[in-house]
C-alpha atoms as a PDB file:
ATOM      1  CA  MET A   1      -0.496   0.041   0.030  1.00  0.00           C
ATOM      2  CA  LYS A   2       3.166   2.601   0.961  1.00  0.00           C
ATOM      3  CA  SER A   3       4.628   1.557  -2.177  1.00  0.00           C
ATOM      4  CA  ALA A   4       0.858   1.931  -3.973  1.00  0.00           C
ATOM      5  CA  LEU A   5       0.676   5.489  -2.475  1.00  0.00           C
ATOM      6  CA  ALA A   6       4.274   6.647  -3.070  1.00  0.00           C
ATOM      7  CA  PHE A   7       4.629   6.101  -7.002  1.00  0.00           C
ATOM      8  CA  ALA A   8       0.802   7.583  -6.916  1.00  0.00           C
ATOM      9  CA  VAL A   9       2.484  10.358  -5.564  1.00  0.00           C
ATOM     10  CA  ILE A  10       5.785  10.552  -7.286  1.00  0.00           C
ATOM     11  CA  ALA A  11       3.794   9.816 -11.073  1.00  0.00           C
ATOM     12  CA  ALA A  12       1.719  13.072  -9.761  1.00  0.00           C
ATOM     13  CA  SER A  13       4.683  15.108  -9.023  1.00  0.00           C
ATOM     14  CA  CYS A  14       6.198  14.071 -12.528  1.00  0.00           C
ATOM     15  CA  ALA A  15       2.857  15.054 -14.514  1.00  0.00           C
ATOM     16  CA  PHE A  16       3.029  18.317 -12.802  1.00  0.00           C
ATOM     17  CA  ALA A  17       6.640  19.241 -14.077  1.00  0.00           C
ATOM     18  CA  GLN A  18       5.938  18.319 -17.471  1.00  0.00           C
ATOM     19  CA  SER A  19       2.818  20.892 -17.463  1.00  0.00           C
ATOM     20  CA  ALA A  20       3.987  23.654 -16.074  1.00  0.00           C
ATOM     21  CA  PRO A  21       5.788  26.387 -18.237  1.00  0.00           C
ATOM     22  CA  LYS A  22       9.076  26.791 -18.851  1.00  0.00           C
ATOM     23  CA  MET A  23      10.145  30.340 -17.521  1.00  0.00           C
ATOM     24  CA  GLN A  24      12.974  32.785 -19.755  1.00  0.00           C
ATOM     25  CA  GLU A  25      14.389  35.208 -17.494  1.00  0.00           C
ATOM     26  CA  GLY A  26      16.602  37.802 -18.461  1.00  0.00           C
ATOM     27  CA  PHE A  27      17.112  41.548 -18.524  1.00  0.00           C
ATOM     28  CA  VAL A  28      16.041  44.686 -20.956  1.00  0.00           C
ATOM     29  CA  GLU A  29      18.430  47.231 -21.110  1.00  0.00           C
ATOM     30  CA  VAL A  30      16.192  50.369 -21.206  1.00  0.00           C
ATOM     31  CA  PRO A  31      18.261  54.178 -20.782  1.00  0.00           C
ATOM     32  CA  GLY A  32      19.307  54.532 -16.962  1.00  0.00           C
ATOM     33  CA  ALA A  33      18.443  50.547 -16.185  1.00  0.00           C
ATOM     34  CA  LYS A  34      18.247  47.300 -16.597  1.00  0.00           C
ATOM     35  CA  ILE A  35      15.431  45.728 -16.799  1.00  0.00           C
ATOM     36  CA  PHE A  36      14.860  41.636 -15.005  1.00  0.00           C
ATOM     37  CA  TYR A  37      11.579  39.809 -16.422  1.00  0.00           C
ATOM     38  CA  LYS A  38      10.098  36.570 -16.478  1.00  0.00           C
ATOM     39  CA  ASP A  39       8.676  35.602 -19.799  1.00  0.00           C
ATOM     40  CA  SER A  40       6.799  32.073 -20.403  1.00  0.00           C
ATOM     41  CA  GLY A  41       7.664  32.429 -24.140  1.00  0.00           C
ATOM     42  CA  GLY A  42       4.443  30.539 -26.704  1.00  0.00           C
ATOM     43  CA  ARG A  43       2.193  31.659 -28.921  1.00  0.00           C
ATOM     44  CA  GLY A  44      -0.920  32.984 -25.996  1.00  0.00           C
ATOM     45  CA  VAL A  45      -2.079  35.880 -25.972  1.00  0.00           C
ATOM     46  CA  PRO A  46       0.054  37.906 -23.802  1.00  0.00           C
ATOM     47  CA  VAL A  47      -0.881  38.983 -20.430  1.00  0.00           C
ATOM     48  CA  ILE A  48       1.826  41.435 -18.579  1.00  0.00           C
ATOM     49  CA  PHE A  49       2.096  41.580 -14.611  1.00  0.00           C
ATOM     50  CA  LEU A  50       3.309  44.789 -12.727  1.00  0.00           C
ATOM     51  CA  HIS A  51       3.779  44.205  -9.236  1.00  0.00           C
ATOM     52  CA  ALA A  52       2.622  47.302  -6.989  1.00  0.00           C
ATOM     53  CA  PHE A  53       4.606  50.345  -6.133  1.00  0.00           C
ATOM     54  CA  THR A  54       6.760  47.642  -3.757  1.00  0.00           C
ATOM     55  CA  GLY A  55       8.124  44.308  -4.387  1.00  0.00           C
ATOM     56  CA  SER A  56       8.998  42.369  -7.610  1.00  0.00           C
ATOM     57  CA  ALA A  57       7.719  40.289 -10.179  1.00  0.00           C
ATOM     58  CA  GLU A  58       8.073  37.558  -7.394  1.00  0.00           C
ATOM     59  CA  VAL A  59       4.658  38.068  -6.460  1.00  0.00           C
ATOM     60  CA  TRP A  60       2.896  36.664  -9.412  1.00  0.00           C
ATOM     61  CA  GLU A  61       4.323  33.257  -8.751  1.00  0.00           C
ATOM     62  CA  LYS A  62       0.845  31.850  -7.818  1.00  0.00           C
ATOM     63  CA  GLN A  63      -0.667  33.012 -11.030  1.00  0.00           C
ATOM     64  CA  ILE A  64       1.837  31.447 -13.879  1.00  0.00           C
ATOM     65  CA  PRO A  65      -0.174  28.248 -13.791  1.00  0.00           C
ATOM     66  CA  ALA A  66      -3.387  29.225 -13.934  1.00  0.00           C
ATOM     67  CA  PHE A  67      -2.806  31.959 -16.770  1.00  0.00           C
ATOM     68  CA  THR A  68      -0.475  29.735 -18.844  1.00  0.00           C
ATOM     69  CA  LYS A  69      -2.907  27.135 -18.807  1.00  0.00           C
ATOM     70  CA  ALA A  70      -5.783  28.697 -20.029  1.00  0.00           C
ATOM     71  CA  GLY A  71      -3.129  29.280 -22.582  1.00  0.00           C
ATOM     72  CA  TYR A  72      -1.698  32.616 -21.890  1.00  0.00           C
ATOM     73  CA  ARG A  73       1.634  33.982 -22.103  1.00  0.00           C
ATOM     74  CA  PHE A  74       2.624  34.990 -19.101  1.00  0.00           C
ATOM     75  CA  ILE A  75       4.977  38.251 -18.843  1.00  0.00           C
ATOM     76  CA  ALA A  76       6.793  40.119 -15.148  1.00  0.00           C
ATOM     77  CA  TYR A  77       9.478  42.344 -14.490  1.00  0.00           C
ATOM     78  CA  ASP A  78      10.609  44.303 -12.705  1.00  0.00           C
ATOM     79  CA  ARG A  79      10.105  47.871 -12.169  1.00  0.00           C
ATOM     80  CA  ARG A  80      13.020  50.213 -11.744  1.00  0.00           C
ATOM     81  CA  GLY A  81      14.480  50.506  -8.046  1.00  0.00           C
ATOM     82  CA  TRP A  82      12.903  47.291  -7.070  1.00  0.00           C
ATOM     83  CA  GLY A  83      13.391  43.480  -7.788  1.00  0.00           C
ATOM     84  CA  ARG A  84      16.236  42.287  -9.841  1.00  0.00           C
ATOM     85  CA  THR A  85      16.347  45.593 -12.333  1.00  0.00           C
ATOM     86  CA  VAL A  86      19.637  47.242 -11.999  1.00  0.00           C
ATOM     87  CA  ALA A  87      19.155  51.278 -12.318  1.00  0.00           C
ATOM     88  CA  ASP A  88      21.983  53.753 -12.835  1.00  0.00           C
ATOM     89  CA  PRO A  89      21.774  56.593 -10.239  1.00  0.00           C
ATOM     90  CA  LYS A  90      22.834  58.413 -12.503  1.00  0.00           C
ATOM     91  CA  GLY A  91      20.655  58.067 -15.380  1.00  0.00           C
ATOM     92  CA  PRO A  92      16.707  59.503 -16.612  1.00  0.00           C
ATOM     93  CA  ALA A  93      14.505  59.541 -13.585  1.00  0.00           C
ATOM     94  CA  SER A  94      12.626  56.509 -13.914  1.00  0.00           C
ATOM     95  CA  ASN A  95       9.343  55.909 -16.117  1.00  0.00           C
ATOM     96  CA  THR A  96       6.922  53.057 -16.233  1.00  0.00           C
ATOM     97  CA  PRO A  97       5.265  53.588 -19.589  1.00  0.00           C
ATOM     98  CA  ASP A  98       8.767  53.835 -21.141  1.00  0.00           C
ATOM     99  CA  ASP A  99       9.958  50.694 -19.636  1.00  0.00           C
ATOM    100  CA  LEU A 100       6.732  48.959 -20.101  1.00  0.00           C
ATOM    101  CA  LEU A 101       7.006  49.847 -24.030  1.00  0.00           C
ATOM    102  CA  ALA A 102      10.090  48.639 -24.012  1.00  0.00           C
ATOM    103  CA  LEU A 103       9.760  44.970 -22.654  1.00  0.00           C
ATOM    104  CA  ILE A 104       7.311  45.296 -25.232  1.00  0.00           C
ATOM    105  CA  ASP A 105       9.301  45.799 -27.978  1.00  0.00           C
ATOM    106  CA  TYR A 106      11.722  43.557 -26.627  1.00  0.00           C
END
């Protein structure tokens, strides 16, 4: 009985691991910053997740499976001064709309 239960747990884990999207992570160079992003890739309609004024793209981790399973392309990024995004203190002031456009164009 224990071995059958262990097998069921391992099989379920493998099935979940295979269905989880392989996230790409990287940086987009914009004037005065290197913007960190996560992207599930794929041909689905892209949905871009923006974190609040504080925080990072990590706040969306639990939403990734639901959106990718529904066929969407998941994209999240760290705003300037937060998470893994690196802002040059001597660079231009933060401009969230321009950063978002640069990410979309990338």
